[in-house]
Amino acid sequence: LTPATIAAAHHISTSYLHRLFRDEDATVAEWIRRRRLEAA
C-alpha cells in the first residue's frame, strides 16, 4: 500500500492524491502510518 497504488486504484495522479491530503494535517504516508499504529 503506497501513494502510487492508492492513486492508481482511484484513477487519479499521485500528485493530485497528495494535494487532497493537504487538509488532513498529514501526508499520505503519514496518514497510513497513523492508522497502522492505531490498529497495532
ModelCIF file with pLDDT and N, C-alpha, C, O atoms, coordinates in Angstrom:
data_MODEL
#
_entry.id   MODEL 
#
_entity.id                         1 
_entity.type                       polymer 
_entity.pdbx_number_of_molecules   1 
#
_entity_poly.entity_id                      1 
_entity_poly.type                           'polypeptide(L)' 
_entity_poly.nstd_linkage                   no 
_entity_poly.nstd_monomer                   no 
_entity_poly.pdbx_seq_one_letter_code       LTPATIAAAHHISTSYLHRLFRDEDATVAEWIRRRRLEAA 
_entity_poly.pdbx_seq_one_letter_code_can   LTPATIAAAHHISTSYLHRLFRDEDATVAEWIRRRRLEAA 
_entity_poly.pdbx_strand_id                 A 
#
loop_
_entity_poly_seq.entity_id 
_entity_poly_seq.num 
_entity_poly_seq.mon_id 
_entity_poly_seq.hetero 
1 1  LEU n 
1 2  THR n 
1 3  PRO n 
1 4  ALA n 
1 5  THR n 
1 6  ILE n 
1 7  ALA n 
1 8  ALA n 
1 9  ALA n 
1 10 HIS n 
1 11 HIS n 
1 12 ILE n 
1 13 SER n 
1 14 THR n 
1 15 SER n 
1 16 TYR n 
1 17 LEU n 
1 18 HIS n 
1 19 ARG n 
1 20 LEU n 
1 21 PHE n 
1 22 ARG n 
1 23 ASP n 
1 24 GLU n 
1 25 ASP n 
1 26 ALA n 
1 27 THR n 
1 28 VAL n 
1 29 ALA n 
1 30 GLU n 
1 31 TRP n 
1 32 ILE n 
1 33 ARG n 
1 34 ARG n 
1 35 ARG n 
1 36 ARG n 
1 37 LEU n 
1 38 GLU n 
1 39 ALA n 
1 40 ALA n 
#
_struct_asym.id          A 
_struct_asym.entity_id   1 
#
loop_
_ma_qa_metric.id 
_ma_qa_metric.mode 
_ma_qa_metric.name 
_ma_qa_metric.software_group_id 
_ma_qa_metric.type 
1 global pLDDT . pLDDT 
2 local  pLDDT . pLDDT 
#
_ma_qa_metric_global.metric_id      1 
_ma_qa_metric_global.metric_value   91.05 
_ma_qa_metric_global.model_id       1 
_ma_qa_metric_global.ordinal_id     1 
#
loop_
_ma_qa_metric_local.label_asym_id 
_ma_qa_metric_local.label_comp_id 
_ma_qa_metric_local.label_seq_id 
_ma_qa_metric_local.metric_id 
_ma_qa_metric_local.metric_value 
_ma_qa_metric_local.model_id 
_ma_qa_metric_local.ordinal_id 
A LEU 1  2 92.00 1 1  
A THR 2  2 93.00 1 2  
A PRO 3  2 94.00 1 3  
A ALA 4  2 94.00 1 4  
A THR 5  2 95.00 1 5  
A ILE 6  2 95.00 1 6  
A ALA 7  2 94.00 1 7  
A ALA 8  2 93.00 1 8  
A ALA 9  2 92.00 1 9  
A HIS 10 2 91.00 1 10 
A HIS 11 2 91.00 1 11 
A ILE 12 2 93.00 1 12 
A SER 13 2 92.00 1 13 
A THR 14 2 93.00 1 14 
A SER 15 2 92.00 1 15 
A TYR 16 2 93.00 1 16 
A LEU 17 2 94.00 1 17 
A HIS 18 2 94.00 1 18 
A ARG 19 2 91.00 1 19 
A LEU 20 2 91.00 1 20 
A PHE 21 2 91.00 1 21 
A ARG 22 2 86.00 1 22 
A ASP 23 2 77.00 1 23 
A GLU 24 2 77.00 1 24 
A ASP 25 2 78.00 1 25 
A ALA 26 2 86.00 1 26 
A THR 27 2 92.00 1 27 
A VAL 28 2 95.00 1 28 
A ALA 29 2 93.00 1 29 
A GLU 30 2 93.00 1 30 
A TRP 31 2 93.00 1 31 
A ILE 32 2 94.00 1 32 
A ARG 33 2 93.00 1 33 
A ARG 34 2 91.00 1 34 
A ARG 35 2 90.00 1 35 
A ARG 36 2 93.00 1 36 
A LEU 37 2 93.00 1 37 
A GLU 38 2 89.00 1 38 
A ALA 39 2 89.00 1 39 
A ALA 40 2 92.00 1 40 
#
loop_
_atom_site.group_PDB 
_atom_site.id 
_atom_site.type_symbol 
_atom_site.label_atom_id 
_atom_site.label_alt_id 
_atom_site.label_comp_id 
_atom_site.label_asym_id 
_atom_site.label_entity_id 
_atom_site.label_seq_id 
_atom_site.pdbx_PDB_ins_code 
_atom_site.Cartn_x 
_atom_site.Cartn_y 
_atom_site.Cartn_z 
_atom_site.occupancy 
_atom_site.B_iso_or_equiv 
_atom_site.pdbx_formal_charge 
_atom_site.auth_seq_id 
_atom_site.auth_comp_id 
_atom_site.auth_asym_id 
_atom_site.auth_atom_id 
_atom_site.pdbx_PDB_model_num 
ATOM 1   N N  . LEU A 1 1  ? 0.841  -1.186 0.000   1.00 92.00 ? 1  LEU A N  1 
ATOM 2   C CA . LEU A 1 1  ? 0.000  0.000  0.000   1.00 92.00 ? 1  LEU A CA 1 
ATOM 3   C C  . LEU A 1 1  ? 0.881  1.242  0.000   1.00 92.00 ? 1  LEU A C  1 
ATOM 4   O O  . LEU A 1 1  ? 1.568  1.518  0.984   1.00 92.00 ? 1  LEU A O  1 
ATOM 5   N N  . THR A 1 2  ? 0.865  1.986  -1.089  1.00 93.00 ? 2  THR A N  1 
ATOM 6   C CA . THR A 1 2  ? 1.692  3.177  -1.248  1.00 93.00 ? 2  THR A CA 1 
ATOM 7   C C  . THR A 1 2  ? 0.854  4.275  -1.897  1.00 93.00 ? 2  THR A C  1 
ATOM 8   O O  . THR A 1 2  ? -0.210 3.987  -2.445  1.00 93.00 ? 2  THR A O  1 
ATOM 9   N N  . PRO A 1 3  ? 1.305  5.519  -1.848  1.00 94.00 ? 3  PRO A N  1 
ATOM 10  C CA . PRO A 1 3  ? 0.573  6.575  -2.564  1.00 94.00 ? 3  PRO A CA 1 
ATOM 11  C C  . PRO A 1 3  ? 0.340  6.246  -4.030  1.00 94.00 ? 3  PRO A C  1 
ATOM 12  O O  . PRO A 1 3  ? -0.714 6.569  -4.578  1.00 94.00 ? 3  PRO A O  1 
ATOM 13  N N  . ALA A 1 4  ? 1.312  5.606  -4.668  1.00 94.00 ? 4  ALA A N  1 
ATOM 14  C CA . ALA A 1 4  ? 1.153  5.289  -6.092  1.00 94.00 ? 4  ALA A CA 1 
ATOM 15  C C  . ALA A 1 4  ? 0.036  4.276  -6.318  1.00 94.00 ? 4  ALA A C  1 
ATOM 16  O O  . ALA A 1 4  ? -0.769 4.439  -7.236  1.00 94.00 ? 4  ALA A O  1 
ATOM 17  N N  . THR A 1 5  ? -0.024 3.216  -5.481  1.00 95.00 ? 5  THR A N  1 
ATOM 18  C CA . THR A 1 5  ? -1.066 2.203  -5.663  1.00 95.00 ? 5  THR A CA 1 
ATOM 19  C C  . THR A 1 5  ? -2.442 2.769  -5.298  1.00 95.00 ? 5  THR A C  1 
ATOM 20  O O  . THR A 1 5  ? -3.444 2.415  -5.920  1.00 95.00 ? 5  THR A O  1 
ATOM 21  N N  . ILE A 1 6  ? -2.491 3.633  -4.305  1.00 95.00 ? 6  ILE A N  1 
ATOM 22  C CA . ILE A 1 6  ? -3.765 4.265  -3.920  1.00 95.00 ? 6  ILE A CA 1 
ATOM 23  C C  . ILE A 1 6  ? -4.269 5.159  -5.045  1.00 95.00 ? 6  ILE A C  1 
ATOM 24  O O  . ILE A 1 6  ? -5.447 5.116  -5.399  1.00 95.00 ? 6  ILE A O  1 
ATOM 25  N N  . ALA A 1 7  ? -3.379 5.964  -5.601  1.00 94.00 ? 7  ALA A N  1 
ATOM 26  C CA . ALA A 1 7  ? -3.771 6.851  -6.696  1.00 94.00 ? 7  ALA A CA 1 
ATOM 27  C C  . ALA A 1 7  ? -4.261 6.047  -7.895  1.00 94.00 ? 7  ALA A C  1 
ATOM 28  O O  . ALA A 1 7  ? -5.264 6.400  -8.515  1.00 94.00 ? 7  ALA A O  1 
ATOM 29  N N  . ALA A 1 8  ? -3.557 4.972  -8.219  1.00 93.00 ? 8  ALA A N  1 
ATOM 30  C CA . ALA A 1 8  ? -3.948 4.151  -9.368  1.00 93.00 ? 8  ALA A CA 1 
ATOM 31  C C  . ALA A 1 8  ? -5.322 3.524  -9.149  1.00 93.00 ? 8  ALA A C  1 
ATOM 32  O O  . ALA A 1 8  ? -6.122 3.437  -10.081 1.00 93.00 ? 8  ALA A O  1 
ATOM 33  N N  . ALA A 1 9  ? -5.598 3.085  -7.917  1.00 92.00 ? 9  ALA A N  1 
ATOM 34  C CA . ALA A 1 9  ? -6.887 2.458  -7.621  1.00 92.00 ? 9  ALA A CA 1 
ATOM 35  C C  . ALA A 1 9  ? -8.047 3.431  -7.769  1.00 92.00 ? 9  ALA A C  1 
ATOM 36  O O  . ALA A 1 9  ? -9.187 3.013  -7.973  1.00 92.00 ? 9  ALA A O  1 
ATOM 37  N N  . HIS A 1 10 ? -7.760 4.744  -7.667  1.00 91.00 ? 10 HIS A N  1 
ATOM 38  C CA . HIS A 1 10 ? -8.819 5.747  -7.753  1.00 91.00 ? 10 HIS A CA 1 
ATOM 39  C C  . HIS A 1 10 ? -8.721 6.593  -9.028  1.00 91.00 ? 10 HIS A C  1 
ATOM 40  O O  . HIS A 1 10 ? -9.403 7.607  -9.177  1.00 91.00 ? 10 HIS A O  1 
ATOM 41  N N  . HIS A 1 11 ? -7.848 6.141  -9.945  1.00 91.00 ? 11 HIS A N  1 
ATOM 42  C CA . HIS A 1 11 ? -7.737 6.758  -11.270 1.00 91.00 ? 11 HIS A CA 1 
ATOM 43  C C  . HIS A 1 11 ? -7.405 8.249  -11.189 1.00 91.00 ? 11 HIS A C  1 
ATOM 44  O O  . HIS A 1 11 ? -7.958 9.070  -11.921 1.00 91.00 ? 11 HIS A O  1 
ATOM 45  N N  . ILE A 1 12 ? -6.495 8.569  -10.288 1.00 93.00 ? 12 ILE A N  1 
ATOM 46  C CA . ILE A 1 12 ? -6.005 9.942  -10.173 1.00 93.00 ? 12 ILE A CA 1 
ATOM 47  C C  . ILE A 1 12 ? -4.486 9.894  -10.155 1.00 93.00 ? 12 ILE A C  1 
ATOM 48  O O  . ILE A 1 12 ? -3.896 8.829  -9.980  1.00 93.00 ? 12 ILE A O  1 
ATOM 49  N N  . SER A 1 13 ? -3.857 11.042 -10.334 1.00 92.00 ? 13 SER A N  1 
ATOM 50  C CA . SER A 1 13 ? -2.397 11.094 -10.295 1.00 92.00 ? 13 SER A CA 1 
ATOM 51  C C  . SER A 1 13 ? -1.917 11.117 -8.843  1.00 92.00 ? 13 SER A C  1 
ATOM 52  O O  . SER A 1 13 ? -2.654 11.504 -7.936  1.00 92.00 ? 13 SER A O  1 
ATOM 53  N N  . THR A 1 14 ? -0.680 10.699 -8.645  1.00 93.00 ? 14 THR A N  1 
ATOM 54  C CA . THR A 1 14 ? -0.109 10.724 -7.295  1.00 93.00 ? 14 THR A CA 1 
ATOM 55  C C  . THR A 1 14 ? -0.014 12.153 -6.779  1.00 93.00 ? 14 THR A C  1 
ATOM 56  O O  . THR A 1 14 ? -0.230 12.395 -5.592  1.00 93.00 ? 14 THR A O  1 
ATOM 57  N N  . SER A 1 15 ? 0.301  13.087 -7.642  1.00 92.00 ? 15 SER A N  1 
ATOM 58  C CA . SER A 1 15 ? 0.402  14.478 -7.200  1.00 92.00 ? 15 SER A CA 1 
ATOM 59  C C  . SER A 1 15 ? -0.953 15.010 -6.739  1.00 92.00 ? 15 SER A C  1 
ATOM 60  O O  . SER A 1 15 ? -1.027 15.761 -5.767  1.00 92.00 ? 15 SER A O  1 
ATOM 61  N N  . TYR A 1 16 ? -2.035 14.619 -7.440  1.00 93.00 ? 16 TYR A N  1 
ATOM 62  C CA . TYR A 1 16 ? -3.364 15.062 -7.008  1.00 93.00 ? 16 TYR A CA 1 
ATOM 63  C C  . TYR A 1 16 ? -3.742 14.417 -5.672  1.00 93.00 ? 16 TYR A C  1 
ATOM 64  O O  . TYR A 1 16 ? -4.369 15.057 -4.828  1.00 93.00 ? 16 TYR A O  1 
ATOM 65  N N  . LEU A 1 17 ? -3.363 13.161 -5.483  1.00 94.00 ? 17 LEU A N  1 
ATOM 66  C CA . LEU A 1 17 ? -3.599 12.489 -4.195  1.00 94.00 ? 17 LEU A CA 1 
ATOM 67  C C  . LEU A 1 17 ? -2.947 13.270 -3.057  1.00 94.00 ? 17 LEU A C  1 
ATOM 68  O O  . LEU A 1 17 ? -3.564 13.498 -2.017  1.00 94.00 ? 17 LEU A O  1 
ATOM 69  N N  . HIS A 1 18 ? -1.706 13.675 -3.262  1.00 94.00 ? 18 HIS A N  1 
ATOM 70  C CA . HIS A 1 18 ? -1.020 14.444 -2.211  1.00 94.00 ? 18 HIS A CA 1 
ATOM 71  C C  . HIS A 1 18 ? -1.713 15.777 -1.962  1.00 94.00 ? 18 HIS A C  1 
ATOM 72  O O  . HIS A 1 18 ? -1.765 16.238 -0.822  1.00 94.00 ? 18 HIS A O  1 
ATOM 73  N N  . ARG A 1 19 ? -2.242 16.399 -3.001  1.00 91.00 ? 19 ARG A N  1 
ATOM 74  C CA . ARG A 1 19 ? -2.965 17.663 -2.806  1.00 91.00 ? 19 ARG A CA 1 
ATOM 75  C C  . ARG A 1 19 ? -4.236 17.447 -1.987  1.00 91.00 ? 19 ARG A C  1 
ATOM 76  O O  . ARG A 1 19 ? -4.604 18.296 -1.175  1.00 91.00 ? 19 ARG A O  1 
ATOM 77  N N  . LEU A 1 20 ? -4.905 16.316 -2.197  1.00 91.00 ? 20 LEU A N  1 
ATOM 78  C CA . LEU A 1 20 ? -6.114 16.022 -1.433  1.00 91.00 ? 20 LEU A CA 1 
ATOM 79  C C  . LEU A 1 20 ? -5.829 15.944 0.065   1.00 91.00 ? 20 LEU A C  1 
ATOM 80  O O  . LEU A 1 20 ? -6.681 16.299 0.880   1.00 91.00 ? 20 LEU A O  1 
ATOM 81  N N  . PHE A 1 21 ? -4.647 15.484 0.423   1.00 91.00 ? 21 PHE A N  1 
ATOM 82  C CA . PHE A 1 21 ? -4.328 15.269 1.831   1.00 91.00 ? 21 PHE A CA 1 
ATOM 83  C C  . PHE A 1 21 ? -3.707 16.497 2.498   1.00 91.00 ? 21 PHE A C  1 
ATOM 84  O O  . PHE A 1 21 ? -3.339 16.439 3.671   1.00 91.00 ? 21 PHE A O  1 
ATOM 85  N N  . ARG A 1 22 ? -3.587 17.593 1.776   1.00 86.00 ? 22 ARG A N  1 
ATOM 86  C CA . ARG A 1 22 ? -3.024 18.791 2.395   1.00 86.00 ? 22 ARG A CA 1 
ATOM 87  C C  . ARG A 1 22 ? -3.887 19.290 3.549   1.00 86.00 ? 22 ARG A C  1 
ATOM 88  O O  . ARG A 1 22 ? -3.367 19.895 4.487   1.00 86.00 ? 22 ARG A O  1 
ATOM 89  N N  . ASP A 1 23 ? -5.198 19.048 3.499   1.00 77.00 ? 23 ASP A N  1 
ATOM 90  C CA . ASP A 1 23 ? -6.090 19.497 4.563   1.00 77.00 ? 23 ASP A CA 1 
ATOM 91  C C  . ASP A 1 23 ? -6.201 18.486 5.704   1.00 77.00 ? 23 ASP A C  1 
ATOM 92  O O  . ASP A 1 23 ? -6.937 18.724 6.662   1.00 77.00 ? 23 ASP A O  1 
ATOM 93  N N  . GLU A 1 24 ? -5.490 17.371 5.619   1.00 77.00 ? 24 GLU A N  1 
ATOM 94  C CA . GLU A 1 24 ? -5.594 16.328 6.640   1.00 77.00 ? 24 GLU A CA 1 
ATOM 95  C C  . GLU A 1 24 ? -4.503 16.429 7.705   1.00 77.00 ? 24 GLU A C  1 
ATOM 96  O O  . GLU A 1 24 ? -4.391 15.551 8.560   1.00 77.00 ? 24 GLU A O  1 
ATOM 97  N N  . ASP A 1 25 ? -3.705 17.482 7.660   1.00 78.00 ? 25 ASP A N  1 
ATOM 98  C CA . ASP A 1 25 ? -2.626 17.673 8.637   1.00 78.00 ? 25 ASP A CA 1 
ATOM 99  C C  . ASP A 1 25 ? -1.661 16.489 8.640   1.00 78.00 ? 25 ASP A C  1 
ATOM 100 O O  . ASP A 1 25 ? -1.088 16.155 9.677   1.00 78.00 ? 25 ASP A O  1 
ATOM 101 N N  . ALA A 1 26 ? -1.482 15.861 7.488   1.00 86.00 ? 26 ALA A N  1 
ATOM 102 C CA . ALA A 1 26 ? -0.564 14.725 7.364   1.00 86.00 ? 26 ALA A CA 1 
ATOM 103 C C  . ALA A 1 26 ? -0.399 14.408 5.893   1.00 86.00 ? 26 ALA A C  1 
ATOM 104 O O  . ALA A 1 26 ? -1.331 14.572 5.106   1.00 86.00 ? 26 ALA A O  1 
ATOM 105 N N  . THR A 1 27 ? 0.793  13.951 5.519   1.00 92.00 ? 27 THR A N  1 
ATOM 106 C CA . THR A 1 27 ? 0.980  13.449 4.171   1.00 92.00 ? 27 THR A CA 1 
ATOM 107 C C  . THR A 1 27 ? 0.264  12.110 4.045   1.00 92.00 ? 27 THR A C  1 
ATOM 108 O O  . THR A 1 27 ? -0.184 11.544 5.042   1.00 92.00 ? 27 THR A O  1 
ATOM 109 N N  . VAL A 1 28 ? 0.160  11.610 2.826   1.00 95.00 ? 28 VAL A N  1 
ATOM 110 C CA . VAL A 1 28 ? -0.488 10.312 2.629   1.00 95.00 ? 28 VAL A CA 1 
ATOM 111 C C  . VAL A 1 28 ? 0.232  9.235  3.428   1.00 95.00 ? 28 VAL A C  1 
ATOM 112 O O  . VAL A 1 28 ? -0.405 8.438  4.117   1.00 95.00 ? 28 VAL A O  1 
ATOM 113 N N  . ALA A 1 29 ? 1.564  9.210  3.335   1.00 93.00 ? 29 ALA A N  1 
ATOM 114 C CA . ALA A 1 29 ? 2.336  8.197  4.055   1.00 93.00 ? 29 ALA A CA 1 
ATOM 115 C C  . ALA A 1 29 ? 2.153  8.330  5.565   1.00 93.00 ? 29 ALA A C  1 
ATOM 116 O O  . ALA A 1 29 ? 2.046  7.327  6.269   1.00 93.00 ? 29 ALA A O  1 
ATOM 117 N N  . GLU A 1 30 ? 2.117  9.559  6.059   1.00 93.00 ? 30 GLU A N  1 
ATOM 118 C CA . GLU A 1 30 ? 1.913  9.766  7.494   1.00 93.00 ? 30 GLU A CA 1 
ATOM 119 C C  . GLU A 1 30 ? 0.521  9.315  7.923   1.00 93.00 ? 30 GLU A C  1 
ATOM 120 O O  . GLU A 1 30 ? 0.355  8.751  9.005   1.00 93.00 ? 30 GLU A O  1 
ATOM 121 N N  . TRP A 1 31 ? -0.470 9.559  7.086   1.00 93.00 ? 31 TRP A N  1 
ATOM 122 C CA . TRP A 1 31 ? -1.834 9.151  7.418   1.00 93.00 ? 31 TRP A CA 1 
ATOM 123 C C  . TRP A 1 31 ? -1.924 7.636  7.496   1.00 93.00 ? 31 TRP A C  1 
ATOM 124 O O  . TRP A 1 31 ? -2.567 7.097  8.397   1.00 93.00 ? 31 TRP A O  1 
ATOM 125 N N  . ILE A 1 32 ? -1.280 6.942  6.552   1.00 94.00 ? 32 ILE A N  1 
ATOM 126 C CA . ILE A 1 32 ? -1.255 5.476  6.584   1.00 94.00 ? 32 ILE A CA 1 
ATOM 127 C C  . ILE A 1 32 ? -0.553 4.991  7.842   1.00 94.00 ? 32 ILE A C  1 
ATOM 128 O O  . ILE A 1 32 ? -1.038 4.080  8.514   1.00 94.00 ? 32 ILE A O  1 
ATOM 129 N N  . ARG A 1 33 ? 0.591  5.597  8.168   1.00 93.00 ? 33 ARG A N  1 
ATOM 130 C CA . ARG A 1 33 ? 1.351  5.171  9.346   1.00 93.00 ? 33 ARG A CA 1 
ATOM 131 C C  . ARG A 1 33 ? 0.536  5.349  10.621  1.00 93.00 ? 33 ARG A C  1 
ATOM 132 O O  . ARG A 1 33 ? 0.567  4.487  11.499  1.00 93.00 ? 33 ARG A O  1 
ATOM 133 N N  . ARG A 1 34 ? -0.186 6.445  10.734  1.00 91.00 ? 34 ARG A N  1 
ATOM 134 C CA . ARG A 1 34 ? -1.010 6.674  11.932  1.00 91.00 ? 34 ARG A CA 1 
ATOM 135 C C  . ARG A 1 34 ? -2.085 5.615  12.069  1.00 91.00 ? 34 ARG A C  1 
ATOM 136 O O  . ARG A 1 34 ? -2.302 5.091  13.161  1.00 91.00 ? 34 ARG A O  1 
ATOM 137 N N  . ARG A 1 35 ? -2.769 5.290  10.964  1.00 90.00 ? 35 ARG A N  1 
ATOM 138 C CA . ARG A 1 35 ? -3.821 4.284  11.035  1.00 90.00 ? 35 ARG A CA 1 
ATOM 139 C C  . ARG A 1 35 ? -3.235 2.912  11.382  1.00 90.00 ? 35 ARG A C  1 
ATOM 140 O O  . ARG A 1 35 ? -3.852 2.145  12.122  1.00 90.00 ? 35 ARG A O  1 
ATOM 141 N N  . ARG A 1 36 ? -2.057 2.604  10.856  1.00 93.00 ? 36 ARG A N  1 
ATOM 142 C CA . ARG A 1 36 ? -1.435 1.319  11.174  1.00 93.00 ? 36 ARG A CA 1 
ATOM 143 C C  . ARG A 1 36 ? -1.008 1.266  12.640  1.00 93.00 ? 36 ARG A C  1 
ATOM 144 O O  . ARG A 1 36 ? -1.164 0.231  13.289  1.00 93.00 ? 36 ARG A O  1 
ATOM 145 N N  . LEU A 1 37 ? -0.476 2.362  13.167  1.00 93.00 ? 37 LEU A N  1 
ATOM 146 C CA . LEU A 1 37 ? -0.102 2.400  14.579  1.00 93.00 ? 37 LEU A CA 1 
ATOM 147 C C  . LEU A 1 37 ? -1.332 2.264  15.471  1.00 93.00 ? 37 LEU A C  1 
ATOM 148 O O  . LEU A 1 37 ? -1.284 1.584  16.496  1.00 93.00 ? 37 LEU A O  1 
ATOM 149 N N  . GLU A 1 38 ? -2.432 2.908  15.087  1.00 89.00 ? 38 GLU A N  1 
ATOM 150 C CA . GLU A 1 38 ? -3.663 2.781  15.869  1.00 89.00 ? 38 GLU A CA 1 
ATOM 151 C C  . GLU A 1 38 ? -4.143 1.331  15.888  1.00 89.00 ? 38 GLU A C  1 
ATOM 152 O O  . GLU A 1 38 ? -4.569 0.834  16.930  1.00 89.00 ? 38 GLU A O  1 
ATOM 153 N N  . ALA A 1 39 ? -4.078 0.651  14.742  1.00 89.00 ? 39 ALA A N  1 
ATOM 154 C CA . ALA A 1 39 ? -4.512 -0.745 14.674  1.00 89.00 ? 39 ALA A CA 1 
ATOM 155 C C  . ALA A 1 39 ? -3.602 -1.636 15.519  1.00 89.00 ? 39 ALA A C  1 
ATOM 156 O O  . ALA A 1 39 ? -4.081 -2.511 16.241  1.00 89.00 ? 39 ALA A O  1 
ATOM 157 N N  . ALA A 1 40 ? -2.295 -1.413 15.428  1.00 92.00 ? 40 ALA A N  1 
ATOM 158 C CA . ALA A 1 40 ? -1.357 -2.186 16.234  1.00 92.00 ? 40 ALA A CA 1 
ATOM 159 C C  . ALA A 1 40 ? -1.574 -1.935 17.721  1.00 92.00 ? 40 ALA A C  1 
ATOM 160 O O  . ALA A 1 40 ? -0.869 -2.506 18.553  1.00 92.00 ? 40 ALA A O  1 
#
